[in-house]
Amino acid sequence: MRFGAMMPADAGITPTTWSGRSWLFALGFFMLFLYAFLYVFIVAQPLDLNIEDA
């Protein structure tokens, strides 16, 4: 990876800001996935969808 191309000095973009944004994006995506997982296995169970039968 060429860090010189990623962070021009005049743009004010540092690897810390990029890593911070990527971590926030990854954390947000993980929490959305976890929320969907909990929704399916906790909220959808009493709805009698017969997930185990499929």
C-alpha atoms as a PDB file:
ATOM      1  CA  MET A   1       0.000   0.000   0.000  1.00  0.00           C
ATOM      2  CA  ARG A   2       1.276   3.438  -0.908  1.00  0.00           C
ATOM      3  CA  PHE A   3       0.578   5.681   2.062  1.00  0.00           C
ATOM      4  CA  GLY A   4       1.862   8.692   0.138  1.00  0.00           C
ATOM      5  CA  ALA A   5      -1.014   8.328  -2.313  1.00  0.00           C
ATOM      6  CA  MET A   6      -3.505   7.745   0.495  1.00  0.00           C
ATOM      7  CA  MET A   7      -2.644  10.801   2.579  1.00  0.00           C
ATOM      8  CA  PRO A   8      -1.690  13.978   0.699  1.00  0.00           C
ATOM      9  CA  ALA A   9      -0.208  16.530   3.097  1.00  0.00           C
ATOM     10  CA  ASP A  10      -2.397  19.370   1.840  1.00  0.00           C
ATOM     11  CA  ALA A  11      -5.653  17.420   2.272  1.00  0.00           C
ATOM     12  CA  GLY A  12      -5.269  17.049   6.032  1.00  0.00           C
ATOM     13  CA  ILE A  13      -6.068  13.334   5.852  1.00  0.00           C
ATOM     14  CA  THR A  14      -4.060  11.126   8.211  1.00  0.00           C
ATOM     15  CA  PRO A  15      -4.049   7.320   8.552  1.00  0.00           C
ATOM     16  CA  THR A  16      -5.603   7.766  11.998  1.00  0.00           C
ATOM     17  CA  THR A  17      -8.710   9.379  10.520  1.00  0.00           C
ATOM     18  CA  TRP A  18      -8.956   6.688   7.853  1.00  0.00           C
ATOM     19  CA  SER A  19      -8.551   3.889  10.404  1.00  0.00           C
ATOM     20  CA  GLY A  20     -11.064   5.583  12.686  1.00  0.00           C
ATOM     21  CA  ARG A  21     -13.645   5.831   9.906  1.00  0.00           C
ATOM     22  CA  SER A  22     -13.052   2.236   8.832  1.00  0.00           C
ATOM     23  CA  TRP A  23     -13.397   1.015  12.421  1.00  0.00           C
ATOM     24  CA  LEU A  24     -16.622   2.992  12.868  1.00  0.00           C
ATOM     25  CA  PHE A  25     -17.966   1.582   9.600  1.00  0.00           C
ATOM     26  CA  ALA A  26     -16.994  -1.969  10.580  1.00  0.00           C
ATOM     27  CA  LEU A  27     -18.485  -1.521  14.050  1.00  0.00           C
ATOM     28  CA  GLY A  28     -21.725  -0.139  12.644  1.00  0.00           C
ATOM     29  CA  PHE A  29     -22.009  -2.967  10.121  1.00  0.00           C
ATOM     30  CA  PHE A  30     -21.291  -5.548  12.836  1.00  0.00           C
ATOM     31  CA  MET A  31     -23.940  -4.059  15.126  1.00  0.00           C
ATOM     32  CA  LEU A  32     -26.501  -4.077  12.306  1.00  0.00           C
ATOM     33  CA  PHE A  33     -25.685  -7.748  11.631  1.00  0.00           C
ATOM     34  CA  LEU A  34     -25.893  -8.556  15.343  1.00  0.00           C
ATOM     35  CA  TYR A  35     -29.235  -6.725  15.615  1.00  0.00           C
ATOM     36  CA  ALA A  36     -30.625  -8.712  12.662  1.00  0.00           C
ATOM     37  CA  PHE A  37     -29.299 -11.950  14.199  1.00  0.00           C
ATOM     38  CA  LEU A  38     -30.937 -11.214  17.551  1.00  0.00           C
ATOM     39  CA  TYR A  39     -34.157 -10.157  15.807  1.00  0.00           C
ATOM     40  CA  VAL A  40     -34.409 -13.456  13.915  1.00  0.00           C
ATOM     41  CA  PHE A  41     -33.578 -15.723  16.859  1.00  0.00           C
ATOM     42  CA  ILE A  42     -35.457 -13.828  19.600  1.00  0.00           C
ATOM     43  CA  VAL A  43     -38.324 -11.866  18.036  1.00  0.00           C
ATOM     44  CA  ALA A  44     -39.113 -14.248  15.179  1.00  0.00           C
ATOM     45  CA  GLN A  45     -39.245 -17.361  17.389  1.00  0.00           C
ATOM     46  CA  PRO A  46     -42.618 -16.557  19.068  1.00  0.00           C
ATOM     47  CA  LEU A  47     -44.091 -15.850  15.618  1.00  0.00           C
ATOM     48  CA  ASP A  48     -44.022 -19.623  14.931  1.00  0.00           C
ATOM     49  CA  LEU A  49     -42.188 -19.430  11.613  1.00  0.00           C
ATOM     50  CA  ASN A  50     -40.982 -23.035  11.932  1.00  0.00           C
ATOM     51  CA  ILE A  51     -37.335 -22.174  11.276  1.00  0.00           C
ATOM     52  CA  GLU A  52     -36.135 -25.587  12.457  1.00  0.00           C
ATOM     53  CA  ASP A  53     -38.457 -27.342  10.004  1.00  0.00           C
ATOM     54  CA  ALA A  54     -37.626 -25.186   6.979  1.00  0.00           C
END
